[in-house]
Every structure is written in C-alpha cells, then in structure tokens.
Amino acid sequence: MLNLATGATFSYSNTGLVLAGRVIEKLTGGTGDAAVRDRIATPLGLAHTGTLPEEALLHRAASGHVPGPSVAPQWSCPGRSARPA
C-alpha cells in the first residue's frame, strides 16, 4: 500500500531493497554478497568491505545496542534475504 503518490517524495524502503537484491541475484546467477564483492568492492580496491557477518567480525565493527542503553548480548546479522536492506 502506498502512503503517497508515486514520485511525490523519497522514502527508504526495506522491501524495495530486498527486491532489488533478489533481482541482482537472478541477473548475476550468484548471491548478492558475491555481486557486491565482485562488481563493486574488488574493482574499487575496498579491502575492508564485507557483507557477511564473518567478514564484518574480521575488522573493527560497532556493537549493537539495546534499550537501556547497553551493548547487545550477541552480535547478529539478518538472514541472507534481508541483507540488501
């Protein structure tokens, strides 16, 4: 359901980005993670860029927080289908 007429304003959309990620997977025949690495990060020489949790933990990464505020008890990343968002 649209809140505003198409083109009336810009709004971030998790759903739109998840859909774009799936389109990229279908067009490339691989994962969205591989597409980011092979088509963006590597050609630009971005040596400390990653999309997978195990890649993020190899470098300095911010901790998540929960209400309180306090550091989240565990580090997590959404499932692969939600990562483009």
PDB file of N, CA and C in Angstrom:
ATOM      1  N   MET A   1       0.836  -1.171   0.000  1.00  0.00           N
ATOM      2  CA  MET A   1       0.000   0.000   0.000  1.00  0.00           C
ATOM      3  C   MET A   1       0.886   1.241   0.000  1.00  0.00           C
ATOM      4  N   LEU A   2       0.612   2.168  -0.880  1.00  0.00           N
ATOM      5  CA  LEU A   2       1.374   3.414  -0.955  1.00  0.00           C
ATOM      6  C   LEU A   2       0.806   4.441   0.015  1.00  0.00           C
ATOM      7  N   ASN A   3       1.706   5.132   0.713  1.00  0.00           N
ATOM      8  CA  ASN A   3       1.276   6.210   1.609  1.00  0.00           C
ATOM      9  C   ASN A   3       1.116   7.524   0.855  1.00  0.00           C
ATOM     10  N   LEU A   4       1.874   7.670  -0.228  1.00  0.00           N
ATOM     11  CA  LEU A   4       1.851   8.892  -1.048  1.00  0.00           C
ATOM     12  C   LEU A   4       1.850   8.503  -2.516  1.00  0.00           C
ATOM     13  N   ALA A   5       1.529   9.437  -3.356  1.00  0.00           N
ATOM     14  CA  ALA A   5       1.546   9.180  -4.794  1.00  0.00           C
ATOM     15  C   ALA A   5       2.975   8.901  -5.250  1.00  0.00           C
ATOM     16  N   THR A   6       3.126   7.994  -6.202  1.00  0.00           N
ATOM     17  CA  THR A   6       4.439   7.674  -6.749  1.00  0.00           C
ATOM     18  C   THR A   6       5.121   8.936  -7.243  1.00  0.00           C
ATOM     19  N   GLY A   7       6.380   9.125  -6.829  1.00  0.00           N
ATOM     20  CA  GLY A   7       7.150  10.296  -7.249  1.00  0.00           C
ATOM     21  C   GLY A   7       6.946  11.528  -6.387  1.00  0.00           C
ATOM     22  N   ALA A   8       6.043  11.472  -5.412  1.00  0.00           N
ATOM     23  CA  ALA A   8       5.753  12.637  -4.577  1.00  0.00           C
ATOM     24  C   ALA A   8       6.883  12.945  -3.604  1.00  0.00           C
ATOM     25  N   THR A   9       7.573  11.921  -3.143  1.00  0.00           N
ATOM     26  CA  THR A   9       8.648  12.105  -2.170  1.00  0.00           C
ATOM     27  C   THR A   9       9.546  10.887  -2.208  1.00  0.00           C
ATOM     28  N   PHE A  10      10.674  10.965  -1.510  1.00  0.00           N
ATOM     29  CA  PHE A  10      11.580   9.832  -1.391  1.00  0.00           C
ATOM     30  C   PHE A  10      11.406   9.201  -0.021  1.00  0.00           C
ATOM     31  N   SER A  11      11.412   7.898   0.030  1.00  0.00           N
ATOM     32  CA  SER A  11      11.334   7.191   1.305  1.00  0.00           C
ATOM     33  C   SER A  11      12.146   5.910   1.201  1.00  0.00           C
ATOM     34  N   TYR A  12      12.976   5.652   2.203  1.00  0.00           N
ATOM     35  CA  TYR A  12      13.750   4.418   2.263  1.00  0.00           C
ATOM     36  C   TYR A  12      12.788   3.244   2.351  1.00  0.00           C
ATOM     37  N   SER A  13      13.071   2.178   1.631  1.00  0.00           N
ATOM     38  CA  SER A  13      12.172   1.031   1.622  1.00  0.00           C
ATOM     39  C   SER A  13      12.950  -0.268   1.756  1.00  0.00           C
ATOM     40  N   ASN A  14      12.860  -0.915   2.904  1.00  0.00           N
ATOM     41  CA  ASN A  14      13.494  -2.226   3.064  1.00  0.00           C
ATOM     42  C   ASN A  14      12.984  -3.201   2.011  1.00  0.00           C
ATOM     43  N   THR A  15      11.673  -3.187   1.780  1.00  0.00           N
ATOM     44  CA  THR A  15      11.083  -4.104   0.809  1.00  0.00           C
ATOM     45  C   THR A  15      11.666  -3.880  -0.578  1.00  0.00           C
ATOM     46  N   GLY A  16      11.796  -2.623  -0.981  1.00  0.00           N
ATOM     47  CA  GLY A  16      12.361  -2.313  -2.290  1.00  0.00           C
ATOM     48  C   GLY A  16      13.801  -2.767  -2.417  1.00  0.00           C
ATOM     49  N   LEU A  17      14.599  -2.595  -1.363  1.00  0.00           N
ATOM     50  CA  LEU A  17      15.996  -3.010  -1.413  1.00  0.00           C
ATOM     51  C   LEU A  17      16.141  -4.528  -1.391  1.00  0.00           C
ATOM     52  N   VAL A  18      15.287  -5.214  -0.654  1.00  0.00           N
ATOM     53  CA  VAL A  18      15.303  -6.677  -0.662  1.00  0.00           C
ATOM     54  C   VAL A  18      14.946  -7.183  -2.062  1.00  0.00           C
ATOM     55  N   LEU A  19      13.953  -6.575  -2.682  1.00  0.00           N
ATOM     56  CA  LEU A  19      13.569  -6.951  -4.044  1.00  0.00           C
ATOM     57  C   LEU A  19      14.706  -6.676  -5.025  1.00  0.00           C
ATOM     58  N   ALA A  20      15.357  -5.526  -4.898  1.00  0.00           N
ATOM     59  CA  ALA A  20      16.494  -5.205  -5.774  1.00  0.00           C
ATOM     60  C   ALA A  20      17.606  -6.234  -5.599  1.00  0.00           C
ATOM     61  N   GLY A  21      17.856  -6.652  -4.360  1.00  0.00           N
ATOM     62  CA  GLY A  21      18.872  -7.673  -4.113  1.00  0.00           C
ATOM     63  C   GLY A  21      18.540  -8.982  -4.801  1.00  0.00           C
ATOM     64  N   ARG A  22      17.279  -9.355  -4.771  1.00  0.00           N
ATOM     65  CA  ARG A  22      16.857 -10.600  -5.432  1.00  0.00           C
ATOM     66  C   ARG A  22      16.993 -10.491  -6.948  1.00  0.00           C
ATOM     67  N   VAL A  23      16.652  -9.338  -7.503  1.00  0.00           N
ATOM     68  CA  VAL A  23      16.818  -9.125  -8.945  1.00  0.00           C
ATOM     69  C   VAL A  23      18.297  -9.261  -9.333  1.00  0.00           C
ATOM     70  N   ILE A  24      19.182  -8.684  -8.519  1.00  0.00           N
ATOM     71  CA  ILE A  24      20.621  -8.790  -8.780  1.00  0.00           C
ATOM     72  C   ILE A  24      21.062 -10.253  -8.752  1.00  0.00           C
ATOM     73  N   GLU A  25      20.552 -11.026  -7.787  1.00  0.00           N
ATOM     74  CA  GLU A  25      20.896 -12.447  -7.727  1.00  0.00           C
ATOM     75  C   GLU A  25      20.442 -13.179  -8.984  1.00  0.00           C
ATOM     76  N   LYS A  26      19.234 -12.908  -9.432  1.00  0.00           N
ATOM     77  CA  LYS A  26      18.717 -13.585 -10.633  1.00  0.00           C
ATOM     78  C   LYS A  26      19.520 -13.191 -11.877  1.00  0.00           C
ATOM     79  N   LEU A  27      19.879 -11.904 -11.981  1.00  0.00           N
ATOM     80  CA  LEU A  27      20.622 -11.439 -13.159  1.00  0.00           C
ATOM     81  C   LEU A  27      22.057 -11.941 -13.195  1.00  0.00           C
ATOM     82  N   THR A  28      22.694 -12.061 -12.026  1.00  0.00           N
ATOM     83  CA  THR A  28      24.093 -12.479 -11.987  1.00  0.00           C
ATOM     84  C   THR A  28      24.252 -13.984 -11.845  1.00  0.00           C
ATOM     85  N   GLY A  29      23.207 -14.674 -11.386  1.00  0.00           N
ATOM     86  CA  GLY A  29      23.297 -16.107 -11.182  1.00  0.00           C
ATOM     87  C   GLY A  29      24.056 -16.480  -9.909  1.00  0.00           C
ATOM     88  N   GLY A  30      24.347 -15.498  -9.068  1.00  0.00           N
ATOM     89  CA  GLY A  30      25.063 -15.753  -7.810  1.00  0.00           C
ATOM     90  C   GLY A  30      24.349 -15.086  -6.659  1.00  0.00           C
ATOM     91  N   THR A  31      25.051 -14.939  -5.552  1.00  0.00           N
ATOM     92  CA  THR A  31      24.466 -14.279  -4.392  1.00  0.00           C
ATOM     93  C   THR A  31      24.675 -12.771  -4.476  1.00  0.00           C
ATOM     94  N   GLY A  32      23.874 -12.040  -3.735  1.00  0.00           N
ATOM     95  CA  GLY A  32      24.059 -10.597  -3.656  1.00  0.00           C
ATOM     96  C   GLY A  32      25.402 -10.253  -3.036  1.00  0.00           C
ATOM     97  N   ASP A  33      25.846 -11.073  -2.066  1.00  0.00           N
ATOM     98  CA  ASP A  33      27.146 -10.859  -1.433  1.00  0.00           C
ATOM     99  C   ASP A  33      28.266 -10.931  -2.472  1.00  0.00           C
ATOM    100  N   ALA A  34      28.207 -11.938  -3.334  1.00  0.00           N
ATOM    101  CA  ALA A  34      29.223 -12.092  -4.388  1.00  0.00           C
ATOM    102  C   ALA A  34      29.168 -10.928  -5.369  1.00  0.00           C
ATOM    103  N   ALA A  35      27.967 -10.465  -5.696  1.00  0.00           N
ATOM    104  CA  ALA A  35      27.832  -9.342  -6.631  1.00  0.00           C
ATOM    105  C   ALA A  35      28.470  -8.083  -6.066  1.00  0.00           C
ATOM    106  N   VAL A  36      28.238  -7.795  -4.781  1.00  0.00           N
ATOM    107  CA  VAL A  36      28.851  -6.615  -4.156  1.00  0.00           C
ATOM    108  C   VAL A  36      30.368  -6.749  -4.183  1.00  0.00           C
ATOM    109  N   ARG A  37      30.866  -7.919  -3.792  1.00  0.00           N
ATOM    110  CA  ARG A  37      32.312  -8.143  -3.763  1.00  0.00           C
ATOM    111  C   ARG A  37      32.932  -8.039  -5.163  1.00  0.00           C
ATOM    112  N   ASP A  38      32.376  -8.785  -6.125  1.00  0.00           N
ATOM    113  CA  ASP A  38      32.972  -8.883  -7.453  1.00  0.00           C
ATOM    114  C   ASP A  38      32.769  -7.659  -8.326  1.00  0.00           C
ATOM    115  N   ARG A  39      31.643  -6.974  -8.176  1.00  0.00           N
ATOM    116  CA  ARG A  39      31.316  -5.873  -9.078  1.00  0.00           C
ATOM    117  C   ARG A  39      31.530  -4.487  -8.482  1.00  0.00           C
ATOM    118  N   ILE A  40      31.691  -4.406  -7.154  1.00  0.00           N
ATOM    119  CA  ILE A  40      31.861  -3.092  -6.521  1.00  0.00           C
ATOM    120  C   ILE A  40      33.134  -3.034  -5.682  1.00  0.00           C
ATOM    121  N   ALA A  41      33.201  -3.860  -4.629  1.00  0.00           N
ATOM    122  CA  ALA A  41      34.305  -3.755  -3.671  1.00  0.00           C
ATOM    123  C   ALA A  41      35.672  -4.036  -4.298  1.00  0.00           C
ATOM    124  N   THR A  42      35.813  -5.157  -5.016  1.00  0.00           N
ATOM    125  CA  THR A  42      37.107  -5.511  -5.602  1.00  0.00           C
ATOM    126  C   THR A  42      37.566  -4.503  -6.655  1.00  0.00           C
ATOM    127  N   PRO A  43      36.717  -4.119  -7.620  1.00  0.00           N
ATOM    128  CA  PRO A  43      37.180  -3.133  -8.608  1.00  0.00           C
ATOM    129  C   PRO A  43      37.571  -1.787  -7.991  1.00  0.00           C
ATOM    130  N   LEU A  44      36.951  -1.411  -6.886  1.00  0.00           N
ATOM    131  CA  LEU A  44      37.281  -0.142  -6.235  1.00  0.00           C
ATOM    132  C   LEU A  44      38.436  -0.270  -5.246  1.00  0.00           C
ATOM    133  N   GLY A  45      38.946  -1.489  -5.057  1.00  0.00           N
ATOM    134  CA  GLY A  45      40.052  -1.701  -4.133  1.00  0.00           C
ATOM    135  C   GLY A  45      39.641  -1.571  -2.676  1.00  0.00           C
ATOM    136  N   LEU A  46      38.389  -1.873  -2.353  1.00  0.00           N
ATOM    137  CA  LEU A  46      37.883  -1.761  -0.987  1.00  0.00           C
ATOM    138  C   LEU A  46      38.225  -3.045  -0.222  1.00  0.00           C
ATOM    139  N   ALA A  47      39.374  -3.054   0.408  1.00  0.00           N
ATOM    140  CA  ALA A  47      39.902  -4.254   1.049  1.00  0.00           C
ATOM    141  C   ALA A  47      39.205  -4.594   2.371  1.00  0.00           C
ATOM    142  N   HIS A  48      38.534  -3.657   3.002  1.00  0.00           N
ATOM    143  CA  HIS A  48      37.906  -3.901   4.290  1.00  0.00           C
ATOM    144  C   HIS A  48      36.378  -3.810   4.198  1.00  0.00           C
ATOM    145  N   THR A  49      35.828  -4.256   3.085  1.00  0.00           N
ATOM    146  CA  THR A  49      34.392  -4.212   2.868  1.00  0.00           C
ATOM    147  C   THR A  49      33.854  -5.637   2.870  1.00  0.00           C
ATOM    148  N   GLY A  50      32.749  -5.852   3.554  1.00  0.00           N
ATOM    149  CA  GLY A  50      32.155  -7.178   3.576  1.00  0.00           C
ATOM    150  C   GLY A  50      30.658  -7.087   3.770  1.00  0.00           C
ATOM    151  N   THR A  51      29.972  -8.142   3.413  1.00  0.00           N
ATOM    152  CA  THR A  51      28.522  -8.199   3.572  1.00  0.00           C
ATOM    153  C   THR A  51      28.093  -9.354   4.462  1.00  0.00           C
ATOM    154  N   LEU A  52      29.018 -10.218   4.803  1.00  0.00           N
ATOM    155  CA  LEU A  52      28.712 -11.378   5.631  1.00  0.00           C
ATOM    156  C   LEU A  52      29.141 -11.134   7.072  1.00  0.00           C
ATOM    157  N   PRO A  53      28.416 -11.687   8.053  1.00  0.00           N
ATOM    158  CA  PRO A  53      28.780 -11.473   9.452  1.00  0.00           C
ATOM    159  C   PRO A  53      30.218 -11.878   9.748  1.00  0.00           C
ATOM    160  N   GLU A  54      30.644 -12.996   9.187  1.00  0.00           N
ATOM    161  CA  GLU A  54      32.003 -13.463   9.452  1.00  0.00           C
ATOM    162  C   GLU A  54      33.060 -12.540   8.851  1.00  0.00           C
ATOM    163  N   GLU A  55      32.710 -11.790   7.825  1.00  0.00           N
ATOM    164  CA  GLU A  55      33.641 -10.798   7.260  1.00  0.00           C
ATOM    165  C   GLU A  55      33.685  -9.550   8.137  1.00  0.00           C
ATOM    166  N   ALA A  56      32.543  -9.124   8.634  1.00  0.00           N
ATOM    167  CA  ALA A  56      32.492  -7.919   9.471  1.00  0.00           C
ATOM    168  C   ALA A  56      33.309  -8.103  10.744  1.00  0.00           C
ATOM    169  N   LEU A  57      33.276  -9.286  11.295  1.00  0.00           N
ATOM    170  CA  LEU A  57      33.971  -9.533  12.550  1.00  0.00           C
ATOM    171  C   LEU A  57      35.484  -9.613  12.391  1.00  0.00           C
ATOM    172  N   LEU A  58      35.986  -9.623  11.158  1.00  0.00           N
ATOM    173  CA  LEU A  58      37.427  -9.626  10.926  1.00  0.00           C
ATOM    174  C   LEU A  58      38.033  -8.236  11.122  1.00  0.00           C
ATOM    175  N   HIS A  59      37.195  -7.232  11.145  1.00  0.00           N
ATOM    176  CA  HIS A  59      37.643  -5.845  11.228  1.00  0.00           C
ATOM    177  C   HIS A  59      36.944  -5.157  12.401  1.00  0.00           C
ATOM    178  N   ARG A  60      37.338  -3.939  12.676  1.00  0.00           N
ATOM    179  CA  ARG A  60      36.655  -3.182  13.724  1.00  0.00           C
ATOM    180  C   ARG A  60      35.206  -2.964  13.312  1.00  0.00           C
ATOM    181  N   ALA A  61      34.304  -3.303  14.188  1.00  0.00           N
ATOM    182  CA  ALA A  61      32.876  -3.162  13.890  1.00  0.00           C
ATOM    183  C   ALA A  61      32.166  -2.619  15.124  1.00  0.00           C
ATOM    184  N   ALA A  62      31.177  -1.795  14.900  1.00  0.00           N
ATOM    185  CA  ALA A  62      30.394  -1.240  16.002  1.00  0.00           C
ATOM    186  C   ALA A  62      29.525  -2.321  16.631  1.00  0.00           C
ATOM    187  N   SER A  63      29.325  -2.228  17.924  1.00  0.00           N
ATOM    188  CA  SER A  63      28.435  -3.150  18.623  1.00  0.00           C
ATOM    189  C   SER A  63      27.013  -2.626  18.555  1.00  0.00           C
ATOM    190  N   GLY A  64      26.063  -3.534  18.480  1.00  0.00           N
ATOM    191  CA  GLY A  64      24.666  -3.146  18.539  1.00  0.00           C
ATOM    192  C   GLY A  64      24.284  -2.797  19.967  1.00  0.00           C
ATOM    193  N   HIS A  65      23.224  -2.076  20.125  1.00  0.00           N
ATOM    194  CA  HIS A  65      22.754  -1.683  21.454  1.00  0.00           C
ATOM    195  C   HIS A  65      21.275  -2.013  21.611  1.00  0.00           C
ATOM    196  N   VAL A  66      20.892  -2.212  22.836  1.00  0.00           N
ATOM    197  CA  VAL A  66      19.501  -2.484  23.182  1.00  0.00           C
ATOM    198  C   VAL A  66      19.033  -1.408  24.157  1.00  0.00           C
ATOM    199  N   PRO A  67      17.726  -1.269  24.370  1.00  0.00           N
ATOM    200  CA  PRO A  67      17.238  -0.237  25.282  1.00  0.00           C
ATOM    201  C   PRO A  67      17.942  -0.298  26.632  1.00  0.00           C
ATOM    202  N   GLY A  68      18.235   0.846  27.156  1.00  0.00           N
ATOM    203  CA  GLY A  68      18.907   0.931  28.443  1.00  0.00           C
ATOM    204  C   GLY A  68      19.759   2.171  28.554  1.00  0.00           C
ATOM    205  N   PRO A  69      20.619   2.550  27.666  1.00  0.00           N
ATOM    206  CA  PRO A  69      21.166   1.713  26.575  1.00  0.00           C
ATOM    207  C   PRO A  69      22.303   0.839  27.086  1.00  0.00           C
ATOM    208  N   SER A  70      22.413  -0.337  26.525  1.00  0.00           N
ATOM    209  CA  SER A  70      23.533  -1.208  26.841  1.00  0.00           C
ATOM    210  C   SER A  70      23.886  -2.008  25.596  1.00  0.00           C
ATOM    211  N   VAL A  71      25.098  -2.552  25.590  1.00  0.00           N
ATOM    212  CA  VAL A  71      25.556  -3.322  24.435  1.00  0.00           C
ATOM    213  C   VAL A  71      24.708  -4.582  24.307  1.00  0.00           C
ATOM    214  N   ALA A  72      24.322  -4.896  23.078  1.00  0.00           N
ATOM    215  CA  ALA A  72      23.516  -6.093  22.821  1.00  0.00           C
ATOM    216  C   ALA A  72      24.277  -7.341  23.261  1.00  0.00           C
ATOM    217  N   PRO A  73      23.598  -8.327  23.824  1.00  0.00           N
ATOM    218  CA  PRO A  73      24.284  -9.512  24.338  1.00  0.00           C
ATOM    219  C   PRO A  73      24.900 -10.399  23.262  1.00  0.00           C
ATOM    220  N   GLN A  74      24.445 -10.269  22.039  1.00  0.00           N
ATOM    221  CA  GLN A  74      25.041 -11.051  20.957  1.00  0.00           C
ATOM    222  C   GLN A  74      25.026 -10.245  19.678  1.00  0.00           C
ATOM    223  N   TRP A  75      25.979 -10.538  18.801  1.00  0.00           N
ATOM    224  CA  TRP A  75      26.088  -9.856  17.522  1.00  0.00           C
ATOM    225  C   TRP A  75      25.321 -10.672  16.511  1.00  0.00           C
ATOM    226  N   SER A  76      24.511 -10.023  15.697  1.00  0.00           N
ATOM    227  CA  SER A  76      23.739 -10.776  14.714  1.00  0.00           C
ATOM    228  C   SER A  76      23.605  -9.983  13.422  1.00  0.00           C
ATOM    229  N   CYS A  77      23.223 -10.692  12.409  1.00  0.00           N
ATOM    230  CA  CYS A  77      23.015 -10.102  11.086  1.00  0.00           C
ATOM    231  C   CYS A  77      21.744 -10.746  10.538  1.00  0.00           C
ATOM    232  N   PRO A  78      20.914  -9.983   9.838  1.00  0.00           N
ATOM    233  CA  PRO A  78      19.697 -10.596   9.303  1.00  0.00           C
ATOM    234  C   PRO A  78      20.025 -11.713   8.306  1.00  0.00           C
ATOM    235  N   GLY A  79      19.059 -12.569   8.082  1.00  0.00           N
ATOM    236  CA  GLY A  79      19.245 -13.643   7.114  1.00  0.00           C
ATOM    237  C   GLY A  79      19.615 -13.092   5.743  1.00  0.00           C
ATOM    238  N   ARG A  80      20.165 -13.939   4.905  1.00  0.00           N
ATOM    239  CA  ARG A  80      20.677 -13.515   3.600  1.00  0.00           C
ATOM    240  C   ARG A  80      19.633 -12.743   2.783  1.00  0.00           C
ATOM    241  N   SER A  81      18.369 -13.147   2.844  1.00  0.00           N
ATOM    242  CA  SER A  81      17.356 -12.484   2.020  1.00  0.00           C
ATOM    243  C   SER A  81      17.124 -11.030   2.425  1.00  0.00           C
ATOM    244  N   ALA A  82      17.368 -10.683   3.687  1.00  0.00           N
ATOM    245  CA  ALA A  82      17.129  -9.304   4.156  1.00  0.00           C
ATOM    246  C   ALA A  82      18.381  -8.420   4.097  1.00  0.00           C
ATOM    247  N   ARG A  83      19.530  -8.973   3.770  1.00  0.00           N
ATOM    248  CA  ARG A  83      20.780  -8.207   3.803  1.00  0.00           C
ATOM    249  C   ARG A  83      20.819  -7.008   2.862  1.00  0.00           C
ATOM    250  N   PRO A  84      20.210  -7.063   1.683  1.00  0.00           N
ATOM    251  CA  PRO A  84      20.279  -5.868   0.834  1.00  0.00           C
ATOM    252  C   PRO A  84      19.685  -4.620   1.504  1.00  0.00           C
ATOM    253  N   ALA A  85      18.746  -4.824   2.426  1.00  0.00           N
ATOM    254  CA  ALA A  85      18.134  -3.692   3.122  1.00  0.00           C
ATOM    255  C   ALA A  85      19.079  -3.142   4.161  1.00  0.00           C
TER     256      ALA A  85
END
